[in-house]
Every structure is written in structure tokens, then in C-alpha cells.
């Protein structure tokens, strides 16, 4: 049985601030299903690599995602060991899987060609 971790106000506010950005929120919704390479996210969000890396840097700094390196490529997934994991899951589960913004990004997914 998993013990639910209670967060302090500062941790909760910080997590919610980070997830308040639409790009990061959708990114986390995608990462809820599987890990993604930076190059995939660049294509899916149709934005620059530095912009995607900036979003990922903020998520990583908050320990909401983990980074796995394979050669020169970096893959990201939700940090299931994060103290905020339960809060993140609760928030992400409020977003309909058929949400238009999520589907718009998801339909641009390509196979890893890194």
C-alpha cells in the first residue's frame, strides 16, 4: 500500500506554478504515458530546441522529470519518486485524454529517429 505524501504550501505552490505553463502542462501529460526524446518534443510542439530545453530544465530543476542519456540523446519521463508525484498525477488526470490541445500536439508525434 502506497503512503500518500503530504506537501507543504511552498512545495505545492511551486509545483502548481511550474505546471501553470500550458506547454509544460501538455508536456507532462504526454510524459504521463511514456518517455520522449528532446527532438520528438521539438517536432511535436513545433518550437525551437532551446525553448523545449528551457521547459525541460525547469521541470528537471523542480525534480518533476528525470533525464536518461543514451549517447548524445536525452530522454525525459515523469519522476515517479518525486514528492509531488501524487499531486502531479491528480492534476494530469483532470485533463481529458481527448483534450484538443493535447491531441493537436500528440498527432505530430514521430518515431524516435535520433
PDB file of N, CA and C in Angstrom:
ATOM      1  N   UNK A   1       0.841  -1.181   0.000  1.00  0.00           N
ATOM      2  CA  UNK A   1       0.000   0.000   0.000  1.00  0.00           C
ATOM      3  C   UNK A   1       0.884   1.242   0.000  1.00  0.00           C
ATOM      4  N   UNK A   2       0.599   2.153  -0.898  1.00  0.00           N
ATOM      5  CA  UNK A   2       1.384   3.377  -1.026  1.00  0.00           C
ATOM      6  C   UNK A   2       0.908   4.417  -0.015  1.00  0.00           C
ATOM      7  N   UNK A   3       1.862   5.023   0.644  1.00  0.00           N
ATOM      8  CA  UNK A   3       1.549   6.081   1.596  1.00  0.00           C
ATOM      9  C   UNK A   3       1.555   7.406   0.845  1.00  0.00           C
ATOM     10  N   UNK A   4       0.469   8.153   0.949  1.00  0.00           N
ATOM     11  CA  UNK A   4       0.392   9.438   0.275  1.00  0.00           C
ATOM     12  C   UNK A   4       1.213  10.465   1.047  1.00  0.00           C
ATOM     13  N   UNK A   5       2.058  11.180   0.322  1.00  0.00           N
ATOM     14  CA  UNK A   5       2.927  12.190   0.914  1.00  0.00           C
ATOM     15  C   UNK A   5       2.176  13.512   0.970  1.00  0.00           C
ATOM     16  N   UNK A   6       2.202  14.152   2.110  1.00  0.00           N
ATOM     17  CA  UNK A   6       1.614  15.481   2.257  1.00  0.00           C
ATOM     18  C   UNK A   6       2.702  16.513   1.981  1.00  0.00           C
ATOM     19  N   UNK A   7       2.356  17.540   1.234  1.00  0.00           N
ATOM     20  CA  UNK A   7       3.305  18.584   0.861  1.00  0.00           C
ATOM     21  C   UNK A   7       3.061  19.843   1.681  1.00  0.00           C
ATOM     22  N   UNK A   8       4.119  20.627   1.824  1.00  0.00           N
ATOM     23  CA  UNK A   8       3.930  21.926   2.465  1.00  0.00           C
ATOM     24  C   UNK A   8       3.432  22.922   1.416  1.00  0.00           C
ATOM     25  N   UNK A   9       3.020  24.079   1.874  1.00  0.00           N
ATOM     26  CA  UNK A   9       2.446  25.089   0.987  1.00  0.00           C
ATOM     27  C   UNK A   9       3.422  25.505  -0.104  1.00  0.00           C
ATOM     28  N   UNK A  10       4.663  25.749   0.267  1.00  0.00           N
ATOM     29  CA  UNK A  10       5.664  26.210  -0.707  1.00  0.00           C
ATOM     30  C   UNK A  10       5.873  25.184  -1.821  1.00  0.00           C
ATOM     31  N   UNK A  11       5.964  23.907  -1.470  1.00  0.00           N
ATOM     32  CA  UNK A  11       6.152  22.854  -2.478  1.00  0.00           C
ATOM     33  C   UNK A  11       4.949  22.759  -3.405  1.00  0.00           C
ATOM     34  N   UNK A  12       3.763  22.870  -2.839  1.00  0.00           N
ATOM     35  CA  UNK A  12       2.538  22.797  -3.632  1.00  0.00           C
ATOM     36  C   UNK A  12       2.450  23.976  -4.592  1.00  0.00           C
ATOM     37  N   UNK A  13       2.712  25.168  -4.096  1.00  0.00           N
ATOM     38  CA  UNK A  13       2.660  26.374  -4.936  1.00  0.00           C
ATOM     39  C   UNK A  13       3.696  26.291  -6.049  1.00  0.00           C
ATOM     40  N   UNK A  14       4.913  25.872  -5.718  1.00  0.00           N
ATOM     41  CA  UNK A  14       5.976  25.761  -6.724  1.00  0.00           C
ATOM     42  C   UNK A  14       5.584  24.777  -7.821  1.00  0.00           C
ATOM     43  N   UNK A  15       5.056  23.643  -7.446  1.00  0.00           N
ATOM     44  CA  UNK A  15       4.632  22.637  -8.425  1.00  0.00           C
ATOM     45  C   UNK A  15       3.531  23.191  -9.323  1.00  0.00           C
ATOM     46  N   UNK A  16       2.568  23.852  -8.717  1.00  0.00           N
ATOM     47  CA  UNK A  16       1.454  24.393  -9.497  1.00  0.00           C
ATOM     48  C   UNK A  16       1.901  25.536 -10.411  1.00  0.00           C
ATOM     49  N   UNK A  17       2.865  26.330  -9.970  1.00  0.00           N
ATOM     50  CA  UNK A  17       3.406  27.397 -10.826  1.00  0.00           C
ATOM     51  C   UNK A  17       4.075  26.804 -12.054  1.00  0.00           C
ATOM     52  N   UNK A  18       4.865  25.765 -11.839  1.00  0.00           N
ATOM     53  CA  UNK A  18       5.570  25.135 -12.954  1.00  0.00           C
ATOM     54  C   UNK A  18       4.575  24.539 -13.946  1.00  0.00           C
ATOM     55  N   UNK A  19       3.534  23.907 -13.429  1.00  0.00           N
ATOM     56  CA  UNK A  19       2.538  23.280 -14.300  1.00  0.00           C
ATOM     57  C   UNK A  19       1.538  24.276 -14.880  1.00  0.00           C
ATOM     58  N   UNK A  20       1.588  25.532 -14.436  1.00  0.00           N
ATOM     59  CA  UNK A  20       0.641  26.528 -14.944  1.00  0.00           C
ATOM     60  C   UNK A  20       0.959  26.969 -16.374  1.00  0.00           C
ATOM     61  N   UNK A  21       2.163  26.662 -16.841  1.00  0.00           N
ATOM     62  CA  UNK A  21       2.509  26.977 -18.229  1.00  0.00           C
ATOM     63  C   UNK A  21       1.880  25.919 -19.136  1.00  0.00           C
ATOM     64  N   UNK A  22       1.099  26.319 -20.133  1.00  0.00           N
ATOM     65  CA  UNK A  22       0.420  25.339 -20.994  1.00  0.00           C
ATOM     66  C   UNK A  22       1.358  24.345 -21.677  1.00  0.00           C
ATOM     67  N   UNK A  23       2.510  24.812 -22.137  1.00  0.00           N
ATOM     68  CA  UNK A  23       3.453  23.900 -22.799  1.00  0.00           C
ATOM     69  C   UNK A  23       3.958  22.847 -21.822  1.00  0.00           C
ATOM     70  N   UNK A  24       4.342  23.269 -20.621  1.00  0.00           N
ATOM     71  CA  UNK A  24       4.837  22.303 -19.632  1.00  0.00           C
ATOM     72  C   UNK A  24       3.735  21.357 -19.174  1.00  0.00           C
ATOM     73  N   UNK A  25       2.517  21.871 -19.050  1.00  0.00           N
ATOM     74  CA  UNK A  25       1.406  21.018 -18.634  1.00  0.00           C
ATOM     75  C   UNK A  25       1.140  19.933 -19.681  1.00  0.00           C
ATOM     76  N   UNK A  26       1.089  20.313 -20.947  1.00  0.00           N
ATOM     77  CA  UNK A  26       0.875  19.335 -22.021  1.00  0.00           C
ATOM     78  C   UNK A  26       2.056  18.378 -22.100  1.00  0.00           C
ATOM     79  N   UNK A  27       3.252  18.893 -21.937  1.00  0.00           N
ATOM     80  CA  UNK A  27       4.452  18.060 -21.939  1.00  0.00           C
ATOM     81  C   UNK A  27       4.346  16.978 -20.859  1.00  0.00           C
ATOM     82  N   UNK A  28       3.937  17.383 -19.668  1.00  0.00           N
ATOM     83  CA  UNK A  28       3.794  16.433 -18.570  1.00  0.00           C
ATOM     84  C   UNK A  28       2.676  15.430 -18.855  1.00  0.00           C
ATOM     85  N   UNK A  29       1.597  15.877 -19.488  1.00  0.00           N
ATOM     86  CA  UNK A  29       0.514  14.963 -19.857  1.00  0.00           C
ATOM     87  C   UNK A  29       1.032  13.898 -20.816  1.00  0.00           C
ATOM     88  N   UNK A  30       1.873  14.301 -21.758  1.00  0.00           N
ATOM     89  CA  UNK A  30       2.464  13.341 -22.691  1.00  0.00           C
ATOM     90  C   UNK A  30       3.412  12.391 -21.959  1.00  0.00           C
ATOM     91  N   UNK A  31       4.226  12.949 -21.076  1.00  0.00           N
ATOM     92  CA  UNK A  31       5.193  12.137 -20.323  1.00  0.00           C
ATOM     93  C   UNK A  31       4.510  11.194 -19.345  1.00  0.00           C
ATOM     94  N   UNK A  32       3.256  11.423 -19.072  1.00  0.00           N
ATOM     95  CA  UNK A  32       2.492  10.530 -18.201  1.00  0.00           C
ATOM     96  C   UNK A  32       2.350   9.151 -18.874  1.00  0.00           C
ATOM     97  N   UNK A  33       2.397   9.137 -20.205  1.00  0.00           N
ATOM     98  CA  UNK A  33       2.212   7.898 -20.958  1.00  0.00           C
ATOM     99  C   UNK A  33       3.519   7.181 -21.280  1.00  0.00           C
ATOM    100  N   UNK A  34       4.565   7.955 -21.591  1.00  0.00           N
ATOM    101  CA  UNK A  34       5.845   7.346 -21.966  1.00  0.00           C
ATOM    102  C   UNK A  34       6.939   8.402 -21.970  1.00  0.00           C
ATOM    103  N   UNK A  35       8.180   7.945 -22.135  1.00  0.00           N
ATOM    104  CA  UNK A  35       9.291   8.896 -22.187  1.00  0.00           C
ATOM    105  C   UNK A  35       9.459   9.411 -23.619  1.00  0.00           C
ATOM    106  N   UNK A  36       9.994  10.620 -23.709  1.00  0.00           N
ATOM    107  CA  UNK A  36      10.206  11.264 -25.008  1.00  0.00           C
ATOM    108  C   UNK A  36      11.609  11.829 -25.091  1.00  0.00           C
ATOM    109  N   UNK A  37      12.128  11.827 -26.300  1.00  0.00           N
ATOM    110  CA  UNK A  37      13.404  12.460 -26.610  1.00  0.00           C
ATOM    111  C   UNK A  37      13.143  13.948 -26.877  1.00  0.00           C
ATOM    112  N   UNK A  38      14.121  14.757 -26.585  1.00  0.00           N
ATOM    113  CA  UNK A  38      14.004  16.198 -26.834  1.00  0.00           C
ATOM    114  C   UNK A  38      13.621  16.468 -28.286  1.00  0.00           C
ATOM    115  N   UNK A  39      14.246  15.756 -29.216  1.00  0.00           N
ATOM    116  CA  UNK A  39      13.970  16.005 -30.639  1.00  0.00           C
ATOM    117  C   UNK A  39      12.511  15.721 -30.988  1.00  0.00           C
ATOM    118  N   UNK A  40      11.901  14.725 -30.347  1.00  0.00           N
ATOM    119  CA  UNK A  40      10.484  14.444 -30.574  1.00  0.00           C
ATOM    120  C   UNK A  40       9.625  15.610 -30.083  1.00  0.00           C
ATOM    121  N   UNK A  41       9.952  16.113 -28.899  1.00  0.00           N
ATOM    122  CA  UNK A  41       9.178  17.222 -28.330  1.00  0.00           C
ATOM    123  C   UNK A  41       9.312  18.479 -29.175  1.00  0.00           C
ATOM    124  N   UNK A  42      10.491  18.712 -29.723  1.00  0.00           N
ATOM    125  CA  UNK A  42      10.706  19.869 -30.616  1.00  0.00           C
ATOM    126  C   UNK A  42       9.752  19.769 -31.806  1.00  0.00           C
ATOM    127  N   UNK A  43       9.692  18.594 -32.412  1.00  0.00           N
ATOM    128  CA  UNK A  43       8.803  18.394 -33.569  1.00  0.00           C
ATOM    129  C   UNK A  43       7.335  18.510 -33.172  1.00  0.00           C
ATOM    130  N   UNK A  44       6.981  17.915 -32.049  1.00  0.00           N
ATOM    131  CA  UNK A  44       5.577  17.877 -31.636  1.00  0.00           C
ATOM    132  C   UNK A  44       5.047  19.258 -31.262  1.00  0.00           C
ATOM    133  N   UNK A  45       5.879  20.057 -30.597  1.00  0.00           N
ATOM    134  CA  UNK A  45       5.440  21.387 -30.173  1.00  0.00           C
ATOM    135  C   UNK A  45       5.749  22.458 -31.220  1.00  0.00           C
ATOM    136  N   UNK A  46       6.437  22.046 -32.288  1.00  0.00           N
ATOM    137  CA  UNK A  46       6.807  22.955 -33.370  1.00  0.00           C
ATOM    138  C   UNK A  46       7.455  24.222 -32.828  1.00  0.00           C
ATOM    139  N   UNK A  47       8.450  24.011 -32.002  1.00  0.00           N
ATOM    140  CA  UNK A  47       9.185  25.121 -31.411  1.00  0.00           C
ATOM    141  C   UNK A  47      10.674  24.780 -31.425  1.00  0.00           C
ATOM    142  N   UNK A  48      11.475  25.727 -31.028  1.00  0.00           N
ATOM    143  CA  UNK A  48      12.922  25.528 -31.097  1.00  0.00           C
ATOM    144  C   UNK A  48      13.427  24.592 -30.011  1.00  0.00           C
ATOM    145  N   UNK A  49      14.560  23.986 -30.275  1.00  0.00           N
ATOM    146  CA  UNK A  49      15.186  23.098 -29.292  1.00  0.00           C
ATOM    147  C   UNK A  49      15.546  23.863 -28.016  1.00  0.00           C
ATOM    148  N   UNK A  50      16.092  25.091 -28.109  1.00  0.00           N
ATOM    149  CA  UNK A  50      16.373  25.822 -26.872  1.00  0.00           C
ATOM    150  C   UNK A  50      15.118  26.091 -26.030  1.00  0.00           C
ATOM    151  N   UNK A  51      13.986  26.357 -26.671  1.00  0.00           N
ATOM    152  CA  UNK A  51      12.742  26.610 -25.929  1.00  0.00           C
ATOM    153  C   UNK A  51      12.279  25.346 -25.205  1.00  0.00           C
ATOM    154  N   UNK A  52      12.307  24.210 -25.892  1.00  0.00           N
ATOM    155  CA  UNK A  52      11.920  22.936 -25.266  1.00  0.00           C
ATOM    156  C   UNK A  52      12.885  22.605 -24.136  1.00  0.00           C
ATOM    157  N   UNK A  53      14.171  22.805 -24.367  1.00  0.00           N
ATOM    158  CA  UNK A  53      15.168  22.528 -23.333  1.00  0.00           C
ATOM    159  C   UNK A  53      14.970  23.408 -22.110  1.00  0.00           C
ATOM    160  N   UNK A  54      14.544  24.636 -22.315  1.00  0.00           N
ATOM    161  CA  UNK A  54      14.271  25.543 -21.197  1.00  0.00           C
ATOM    162  C   UNK A  54      13.104  25.022 -20.348  1.00  0.00           C
ATOM    163  N   UNK A  55      12.044  24.567 -21.009  1.00  0.00           N
ATOM    164  CA  UNK A  55      10.910  23.989 -20.284  1.00  0.00           C
ATOM    165  C   UNK A  55      11.351  22.749 -19.506  1.00  0.00           C
ATOM    166  N   UNK A  56      12.107  21.881 -20.164  1.00  0.00           N
ATOM    167  CA  UNK A  56      12.574  20.656 -19.519  1.00  0.00           C
ATOM    168  C   UNK A  56      13.526  20.970 -18.361  1.00  0.00           C
ATOM    169  N   UNK A  57      14.337  22.006 -18.524  1.00  0.00           N
ATOM    170  CA  UNK A  57      15.255  22.399 -17.453  1.00  0.00           C
ATOM    171  C   UNK A  57      14.476  22.785 -16.201  1.00  0.00           C
ATOM    172  N   UNK A  58      13.389  23.535 -16.383  1.00  0.00           N
ATOM    173  CA  UNK A  58      12.564  23.941 -15.238  1.00  0.00           C
ATOM    174  C   UNK A  58      11.904  22.731 -14.581  1.00  0.00           C
ATOM    175  N   UNK A  59      11.403  21.815 -15.393  1.00  0.00           N
ATOM    176  CA  UNK A  59      10.779  20.602 -14.854  1.00  0.00           C
ATOM    177  C   UNK A  59      11.805  19.733 -14.129  1.00  0.00           C
ATOM    178  N   UNK A  60      12.994  19.654 -14.706  1.00  0.00           N
ATOM    179  CA  UNK A  60      14.054  18.847 -14.090  1.00  0.00           C
ATOM    180  C   UNK A  60      14.550  19.491 -12.794  1.00  0.00           C
ATOM    181  N   UNK A  61      14.721  20.799 -12.800  1.00  0.00           N
ATOM    182  CA  UNK A  61      15.175  21.512 -11.604  1.00  0.00           C
ATOM    183  C   UNK A  61      14.203  21.305 -10.442  1.00  0.00           C
ATOM    184  N   UNK A  62      12.907  21.246 -10.755  1.00  0.00           N
ATOM    185  CA  UNK A  62      11.883  21.009  -9.736  1.00  0.00           C
ATOM    186  C   UNK A  62      11.758  19.521  -9.396  1.00  0.00           C
ATOM    187  N   UNK A  63      12.561  18.703 -10.054  1.00  0.00           N
ATOM    188  CA  UNK A  63      12.573  17.245  -9.847  1.00  0.00           C
ATOM    189  C   UNK A  63      11.249  16.591 -10.235  1.00  0.00           C
ATOM    190  N   UNK A  64      10.562  17.189 -11.208  1.00  0.00           N
ATOM    191  CA  UNK A  64       9.301  16.624 -11.680  1.00  0.00           C
ATOM    192  C   UNK A  64       9.522  15.632 -12.811  1.00  0.00           C
ATOM    193  N   UNK A  65      10.669  15.746 -13.491  1.00  0.00           N
ATOM    194  CA  UNK A  65      11.024  14.796 -14.549  1.00  0.00           C
ATOM    195  C   UNK A  65      12.424  14.261 -14.305  1.00  0.00           C
ATOM    196  N   UNK A  66      12.674  13.114 -14.914  1.00  0.00           N
ATOM    197  CA  UNK A  66      14.018  12.542 -14.876  1.00  0.00           C
ATOM    198  C   UNK A  66      14.574  12.527 -16.290  1.00  0.00           C
ATOM    199  N   UNK A  67      15.873  12.546 -16.363  1.00  0.00           N
ATOM    200  CA  UNK A  67      16.572  12.568 -17.646  1.00  0.00           C
ATOM    201  C   UNK A  67      17.410  11.306 -17.770  1.00  0.00           C
ATOM    202  N   UNK A  68      17.286  10.666 -18.912  1.00  0.00           N
ATOM    203  CA  UNK A  68      18.074   9.465 -19.197  1.00  0.00           C
ATOM    204  C   UNK A  68      18.883   9.754 -20.456  1.00  0.00           C
ATOM    205  N   UNK A  69      20.186   9.564 -20.359  1.00  0.00           N
ATOM    206  CA  UNK A  69      21.040   9.823 -21.519  1.00  0.00           C
ATOM    207  C   UNK A  69      21.370   8.528 -22.231  1.00  0.00           C
ATOM    208  N   UNK A  70      21.219   8.573 -23.546  1.00  0.00           N
ATOM    209  CA  UNK A  70      21.619   7.457 -24.404  1.00  0.00           C
ATOM    210  C   UNK A  70      22.472   8.064 -25.504  1.00  0.00           C
ATOM    211  N   UNK A  71      23.789   7.936 -25.325  1.00  0.00           N
ATOM    212  CA  UNK A  71      24.706   8.587 -26.253  1.00  0.00           C
ATOM    213  C   UNK A  71      24.560  10.086 -26.119  1.00  0.00           C
ATOM    214  N   UNK A  72      24.334  10.750 -27.243  1.00  0.00           N
ATOM    215  CA  UNK A  72      24.184  12.210 -27.196  1.00  0.00           C
ATOM    216  C   UNK A  72      22.728  12.630 -26.987  1.00  0.00           C
ATOM    217  N   UNK A  73      21.816  11.673 -26.930  1.00  0.00           N
ATOM    218  CA  UNK A  73      20.395  11.981 -26.814  1.00  0.00           C
ATOM    219  C   UNK A  73      19.917  11.912 -25.383  1.00  0.00           C
ATOM    220  N   UNK A  74      18.917  12.737 -25.076  1.00  0.00           N
ATOM    221  CA  UNK A  74      18.337  12.780 -23.735  1.00  0.00           C
ATOM    222  C   UNK A  74      16.847  12.476 -23.815  1.00  0.00           C
ATOM    223  N   UNK A  75      16.444  11.559 -22.964  1.00  0.00           N
ATOM    224  CA  UNK A  75      15.043  11.158 -22.883  1.00  0.00           C
ATOM    225  C   UNK A  75      14.499  11.563 -21.525  1.00  0.00           C
ATOM    226  N   UNK A  76      13.248  12.025 -21.523  1.00  0.00           N
ATOM    227  CA  UNK A  76      12.634  12.515 -20.292  1.00  0.00           C
ATOM    228  C   UNK A  76      11.382  11.713 -19.961  1.00  0.00           C
ATOM    229  N   UNK A  77      11.156  11.539 -18.668  1.00  0.00           N
ATOM    230  CA  UNK A  77       9.959  10.877 -18.170  1.00  0.00           C
ATOM    231  C   UNK A  77       9.582  11.521 -16.841  1.00  0.00           C
ATOM    232  N   UNK A  78       8.350  11.270 -16.401  1.00  0.00           N
ATOM    233  CA  UNK A  78       7.904  11.807 -15.110  1.00  0.00           C
ATOM    234  C   UNK A  78       8.689  11.115 -14.000  1.00  0.00           C
ATOM    235  N   UNK A  79       9.108  11.899 -13.050  1.00  0.00           N
ATOM    236  CA  UNK A  79       9.849  11.377 -11.901  1.00  0.00           C
ATOM    237  C   UNK A  79       8.855  10.782 -10.906  1.00  0.00           C
ATOM    238  N   UNK A  80       8.725   9.473 -10.932  1.00  0.00           N
ATOM    239  CA  UNK A  80       7.765   8.802 -10.049  1.00  0.00           C
ATOM    240  C   UNK A  80       8.211   8.830  -8.587  1.00  0.00           C
ATOM    241  N   UNK A  81       9.462   9.181  -8.337  1.00  0.00           N
ATOM    242  CA  UNK A  81       9.970   9.276  -6.960  1.00  0.00           C
ATOM    243  C   UNK A  81       9.822  10.692  -6.387  1.00  0.00           C
ATOM    244  N   UNK A  82       9.317  11.611  -7.193  1.00  0.00           N
ATOM    245  CA  UNK A  82       9.145  12.992  -6.746  1.00  0.00           C
ATOM    246  C   UNK A  82       8.139  13.063  -5.608  1.00  0.00           C
ATOM    247  N   UNK A  83       8.398  13.933  -4.656  1.00  0.00           N
ATOM    248  CA  UNK A  83       7.441  14.149  -3.556  1.00  0.00           C
ATOM    249  C   UNK A  83       6.117  14.670  -4.097  1.00  0.00           C
ATOM    250  N   UNK A  84       6.161  15.356  -5.231  1.00  0.00           N
ATOM    251  CA  UNK A  84       4.968  15.947  -5.828  1.00  0.00           C
ATOM    252  C   UNK A  84       4.238  15.005  -6.777  1.00  0.00           C
ATOM    253  N   UNK A  85       4.716  13.773  -6.887  1.00  0.00           N
ATOM    254  CA  UNK A  85       4.167  12.832  -7.871  1.00  0.00           C
ATOM    255  C   UNK A  85       2.642  12.683  -7.763  1.00  0.00           C
ATOM    256  N   UNK A  86       2.128  12.490  -6.560  1.00  0.00           N
ATOM    257  CA  UNK A  86       0.677  12.312  -6.396  1.00  0.00           C
ATOM    258  C   UNK A  86      -0.094  13.553  -6.834  1.00  0.00           C
ATOM    259  N   UNK A  87       0.425  14.721  -6.496  1.00  0.00           N
ATOM    260  CA  UNK A  87      -0.212  15.973  -6.911  1.00  0.00           C
ATOM    261  C   UNK A  87      -0.191  16.101  -8.427  1.00  0.00           C
ATOM    262  N   UNK A  88       0.940  15.791  -9.031  1.00  0.00           N
ATOM    263  CA  UNK A  88       1.070  15.862 -10.494  1.00  0.00           C
ATOM    264  C   UNK A  88       0.071  14.919 -11.156  1.00  0.00           C
ATOM    265  N   UNK A  89       0.006  13.687 -10.672  1.00  0.00           N
ATOM    266  CA  UNK A  89      -0.916  12.713 -11.246  1.00  0.00           C
ATOM    267  C   UNK A  89      -2.359  13.197 -11.113  1.00  0.00           C
ATOM    268  N   UNK A  90      -2.692  13.744  -9.952  1.00  0.00           N
ATOM    269  CA  UNK A  90      -4.050  14.254  -9.751  1.00  0.00           C
ATOM    270  C   UNK A  90      -4.376  15.343 -10.771  1.00  0.00           C
ATOM    271  N   UNK A  91      -3.459  16.280 -10.947  1.00  0.00           N
ATOM    272  CA  UNK A  91      -3.674  17.382 -11.897  1.00  0.00           C
ATOM    273  C   UNK A  91      -3.782  16.850 -13.323  1.00  0.00           C
ATOM    274  N   UNK A  92      -2.846  16.004 -13.721  1.00  0.00           N
ATOM    275  CA  UNK A  92      -2.839  15.483 -15.092  1.00  0.00           C
ATOM    276  C   UNK A  92      -4.072  14.634 -15.381  1.00  0.00           C
ATOM    277  N   UNK A  93      -4.562  13.932 -14.387  1.00  0.00           N
ATOM    278  CA  UNK A  93      -5.752  13.096 -14.582  1.00  0.00           C
ATOM    279  C   UNK A  93      -7.036  13.919 -14.731  1.00  0.00           C
ATOM    280  N   UNK A  94      -6.958  15.218 -14.446  1.00  0.00           N
ATOM    281  CA  UNK A  94      -8.114  16.095 -14.653  1.00  0.00           C
ATOM    282  C   UNK A  94      -8.242  16.492 -16.120  1.00  0.00           C
ATOM    283  N   UNK A  95      -7.185  16.297 -16.880  1.00  0.00           N
ATOM    284  CA  UNK A  95      -7.191  16.652 -18.304  1.00  0.00           C
ATOM    285  C   UNK A  95      -7.724  15.468 -19.101  1.00  0.00           C
ATOM    286  N   UNK A  96      -8.759  15.710 -19.867  1.00  0.00           N
ATOM    287  CA  UNK A  96      -9.365  14.669 -20.698  1.00  0.00           C
ATOM    288  C   UNK A  96      -8.331  14.167 -21.703  1.00  0.00           C
ATOM    289  N   UNK A  97      -8.262  12.851 -21.879  1.00  0.00           N
ATOM    290  CA  UNK A  97      -7.325  12.273 -22.851  1.00  0.00           C
ATOM    291  C   UNK A  97      -7.630  12.745 -24.269  1.00  0.00           C
ATOM    292  N   UNK A  98      -8.838  13.178 -24.498  1.00  0.00           N
ATOM    293  CA  UNK A  98      -9.239  13.680 -25.821  1.00  0.00           C
ATOM    294  C   UNK A  98      -9.149  15.202 -25.914  1.00  0.00           C
ATOM    295  N   UNK A  99      -8.508  15.831 -24.942  1.00  0.00           N
ATOM    296  CA  UNK A  99      -8.350  17.287 -24.944  1.00  0.00           C
ATOM    297  C   UNK A  99      -7.749  17.743 -26.277  1.00  0.00           C
ATOM    298  N   UNK A 100      -8.334  18.774 -26.856  1.00  0.00           N
ATOM    299  CA  UNK A 100      -7.933  19.253 -28.189  1.00  0.00           C
ATOM    300  C   UNK A 100      -6.460  19.675 -28.234  1.00  0.00           C
ATOM    301  N   UNK A 101      -6.001  20.414 -27.240  1.00  0.00           N
ATOM    302  CA  UNK A 101      -4.612  20.887 -27.231  1.00  0.00           C
ATOM    303  C   UNK A 101      -3.640  19.718 -27.130  1.00  0.00           C
ATOM    304  N   UNK A 102      -3.956  18.742 -26.295  1.00  0.00           N
ATOM    305  CA  UNK A 102      -3.091  17.561 -26.144  1.00  0.00           C
ATOM    306  C   UNK A 102      -3.083  16.761 -27.441  1.00  0.00           C
ATOM    307  N   UNK A 103      -4.244  16.544 -28.024  1.00  0.00           N
ATOM    308  CA  UNK A 103      -4.340  15.769 -29.260  1.00  0.00           C
ATOM    309  C   UNK A 103      -3.616  16.448 -30.419  1.00  0.00           C
ATOM    310  N   UNK A 104      -3.689  17.771 -30.464  1.00  0.00           N
ATOM    311  CA  UNK A 104      -3.015  18.530 -31.523  1.00  0.00           C
ATOM    312  C   UNK A 104      -1.510  18.289 -31.482  1.00  0.00           C
ATOM    313  N   UNK A 105      -0.949  18.277 -30.294  1.00  0.00           N
ATOM    314  CA  UNK A 105       0.491  18.029 -30.126  1.00  0.00           C
ATOM    315  C   UNK A 105       0.788  16.560 -30.376  1.00  0.00           C
ATOM    316  N   UNK A 106      -0.019  15.684 -29.824  1.00  0.00           N
ATOM    317  CA  UNK A 106       0.224  14.242 -29.916  1.00  0.00           C
ATOM    318  C   UNK A 106       0.183  13.726 -31.355  1.00  0.00           C
ATOM    319  N   UNK A 107      -0.654  14.322 -32.187  1.00  0.00           N
ATOM    320  CA  UNK A 107      -0.761  13.856 -33.570  1.00  0.00           C
ATOM    321  C   UNK A 107       0.503  14.142 -34.373  1.00  0.00           C
ATOM    322  N   UNK A 108       1.361  14.998 -33.853  1.00  0.00           N
ATOM    323  CA  UNK A 108       2.618  15.320 -34.538  1.00  0.00           C
ATOM    324  C   UNK A 108       3.769  14.429 -34.085  1.00  0.00           C
ATOM    325  N   UNK A 109       3.446  13.448 -33.222  1.00  0.00           N
ATOM    326  CA  UNK A 109       4.482  12.554 -32.711  1.00  0.00           C
ATOM    327  C   UNK A 109       5.091  11.735 -33.843  1.00  0.00           C
ATOM    328  N   UNK A 110       6.396  11.626 -33.798  1.00  0.00           N
ATOM    329  CA  UNK A 110       7.125  10.816 -34.771  1.00  0.00           C
ATOM    330  C   UNK A 110       7.888   9.724 -34.019  1.00  0.00           C
ATOM    331  N   UNK A 111       8.265   8.700 -34.735  1.00  0.00           N
ATOM    332  CA  UNK A 111       9.099   7.674 -34.146  1.00  0.00           C
ATOM    333  C   UNK A 111      10.461   8.282 -33.842  1.00  0.00           C
ATOM    334  N   UNK A 112      11.125   7.736 -32.848  1.00  0.00           N
ATOM    335  CA  UNK A 112      12.446   8.243 -32.478  1.00  0.00           C
ATOM    336  C   UNK A 112      13.399   7.999 -33.645  1.00  0.00           C
ATOM    337  N   UNK A 113      13.975   9.072 -34.134  1.00  0.00           N
ATOM    338  CA  UNK A 113      14.939   8.957 -35.241  1.00  0.00           C
ATOM    339  C   UNK A 113      16.253   9.624 -34.839  1.00  0.00           C
ATOM    340  N   UNK A 114      16.446   9.749 -33.554  1.00  0.00           N
ATOM    341  CA  UNK A 114      17.634  10.428 -33.038  1.00  0.00           C
ATOM    342  C   UNK A 114      18.874   9.569 -33.228  1.00  0.00           C
TER     343      UNK A 114
END
